[in-house]
Protein backbone atom coordinates (compact mmCIF):
# COMPACT_ATOMS: atom_id res chain seq x y z
CA MET A 1 -15.82 -16.96 0.80
CA LYS A 2 -13.39 -18.29 -1.55
CA SER A 3 -10.74 -16.70 -4.03
CA GLY A 4 -7.54 -17.08 -5.63
CA LEU A 5 -6.19 -19.84 -7.65
CA GLY A 6 -7.89 -23.07 -6.64
CA GLY A 7 -10.68 -21.49 -4.71
CA HIS A 8 -8.95 -21.11 -1.38
CA TYR A 9 -11.11 -20.06 1.50
CA ILE A 10 -10.16 -16.39 2.51
CA PRO A 11 -8.94 -15.94 5.90
CA GLU A 12 -9.99 -13.17 8.17
CA ILE A 13 -7.37 -10.70 6.81
CA GLY A 14 -8.70 -11.19 3.30
CA ASN A 15 -12.40 -10.43 4.43
CA TYR A 16 -10.87 -7.18 5.83
CA LEU A 17 -8.57 -6.14 2.82
CA LEU A 18 -11.69 -6.68 0.26
CA GLY A 19 -14.31 -4.95 2.72
CA ASP A 20 -15.06 -1.49 3.46
CA GLN A 21 -13.25 -1.35 6.86
CA TYR A 22 -10.20 -1.14 5.04
CA ARG A 23 -10.65 1.65 2.70
CA SER A 24 -12.35 3.54 5.61
CA ASP A 25 -9.35 3.02 7.87
CA SER A 26 -7.13 4.22 5.27
CA LYS A 27 -9.13 7.25 4.55
CA THR A 28 -9.21 7.78 8.35
CA VAL A 29 -5.12 7.31 8.72
CA CYS A 30 -4.59 9.61 5.74
CA THR A 31 -6.72 12.31 6.76
CA GLU A 32 -5.18 12.51 10.26
CA ALA A 33 -1.75 12.42 8.60
CA TYR A 34 -2.54 15.33 6.53
CA LEU A 35 -4.01 17.20 9.71
CA TYR A 36 -0.83 16.80 11.38
CA ALA A 37 1.37 17.98 8.47
CA LYS A 38 -0.46 20.73 8.36
CA THR A 39 0.53 21.91 12.04
CA LEU A 40 4.16 21.59 11.01
CA ASN A 41 6.54 24.52 10.30
CA ILE A 42 7.73 23.12 6.85
CA THR A 43 11.04 23.80 5.71
CA GLY A 44 12.91 22.88 2.60
CA GLN A 45 14.76 20.17 4.85
CA ASP A 46 11.69 17.98 5.56
CA LEU A 47 10.84 14.85 4.42
CA TRP A 48 7.70 12.33 4.56
CA VAL A 49 8.63 8.77 4.26
CA PHE A 50 6.04 6.40 2.64
CA ASP A 51 6.92 2.79 2.23
CA ILE A 52 5.96 1.07 -1.07
CA ASP A 53 3.96 -2.05 -0.68
CA GLU A 54 0.82 -1.84 1.12
CA THR A 55 1.29 1.77 1.93
CA THR A 56 1.61 3.42 -1.48
CA LEU A 57 0.90 0.70 -3.77
CA SER A 58 -1.61 -2.48 -3.46
CA ASN A 59 -0.84 -6.04 -3.94
CA LEU A 60 -4.21 -7.06 -3.14
CA LYS A 61 -4.38 -8.72 -6.30
CA TYR A 62 -1.42 -10.93 -5.88
CA TYR A 63 -2.70 -11.97 -2.24
CA ALA A 64 -6.12 -12.26 -3.51
CA ASP A 65 -4.71 -14.78 -5.94
CA HIS A 66 -2.63 -16.50 -3.41
CA GLY A 67 -5.30 -17.00 -0.70
CA PHE A 68 -4.27 -14.04 1.71
CA GLY A 69 -1.54 -16.20 3.34
CA VAL A 70 -3.18 -19.63 3.02
CA GLU A 71 -0.26 -20.41 0.70
CA PRO A 72 3.14 -20.31 1.88
CA TYR A 73 5.03 -17.26 0.86
CA ASN A 74 6.77 -17.69 -2.68
CA ALA A 75 9.46 -15.08 -3.24
CA ALA A 76 9.69 -15.98 -7.01
CA ALA A 77 5.79 -15.57 -7.46
CA PHE A 78 5.62 -12.38 -5.52
CA ASN A 79 8.54 -10.93 -7.52
CA ALA A 80 7.19 -12.15 -10.86
CA TRP A 81 4.08 -9.85 -9.80
CA VAL A 82 6.28 -6.80 -8.74
CA ASP A 83 7.93 -7.26 -12.26
CA LEU A 84 4.18 -6.99 -14.05
CA GLY A 85 4.28 -3.37 -12.81
CA GLU A 86 0.54 -3.61 -12.28
CA ALA A 87 0.16 -2.75 -8.55
CA PRO A 88 -2.21 0.24 -8.39
CA ALA A 89 -1.72 3.18 -6.16
CA LEU A 90 -3.61 3.00 -2.91
CA GLN A 91 -6.07 6.08 -3.32
CA GLU A 92 -6.00 7.47 -0.12
CA SER A 93 -2.18 7.43 0.23
CA LEU A 94 -2.21 8.92 -3.54
CA LYS A 95 -4.21 11.78 -2.05
CA LEU A 96 -2.19 12.40 1.09
CA TYR A 97 0.93 12.23 -1.32
CA ASN A 98 -0.43 15.03 -3.57
CA LYS A 99 -1.41 17.01 -0.36
CA LEU A 100 1.89 16.77 1.02
CA VAL A 101 3.75 17.80 -1.99
CA SER A 102 1.33 20.97 -2.24
CA LEU A 103 2.54 21.76 1.25
CA GLY A 104 6.12 21.61 0.18
CA VAL A 105 7.27 18.44 1.87
CA LYS A 106 9.46 16.45 0.03
CA ILE A 107 8.48 12.82 -0.45
CA VAL A 108 10.95 9.69 0.00
CA LEU A 109 9.80 6.41 -1.16
CA LEU A 110 11.29 3.40 1.01
CA THR A 111 11.11 -0.40 -0.21
CA GLY A 112 12.69 -3.28 1.00
CA ARG A 113 12.28 -4.62 -2.80
CA PRO A 114 15.51 -5.53 -4.40
CA LEU A 115 17.15 -2.82 -6.64
CA LYS A 116 16.41 -5.13 -9.46
CA ARG A 117 12.73 -4.78 -8.79
CA LEU A 118 12.58 -0.86 -8.86
């Protein structure tokens, strides 16, 4: 299978991310996380931490366009992608987020992105 700029071959990770298994795994993990959260005695001081990239937002389009790791990492290219603000929410993570909020859990979003990129 080929994808991205210049028709790069997609390595195994690309096949996983583009296939049904990734979505299935995401659903399973988020379901289990919610079932766990429901067992907690939630207080006003409880927090749930979500990472941004590849946990709440998908950079799949960026990685597909850059060969899923076939090309060396290019911080300037990735930052240009981030600046577009087009990374969609991962649907299962969004569902989990909403369910946690309905339980009264406060959400913290954590990122390694520079402040300039927020």
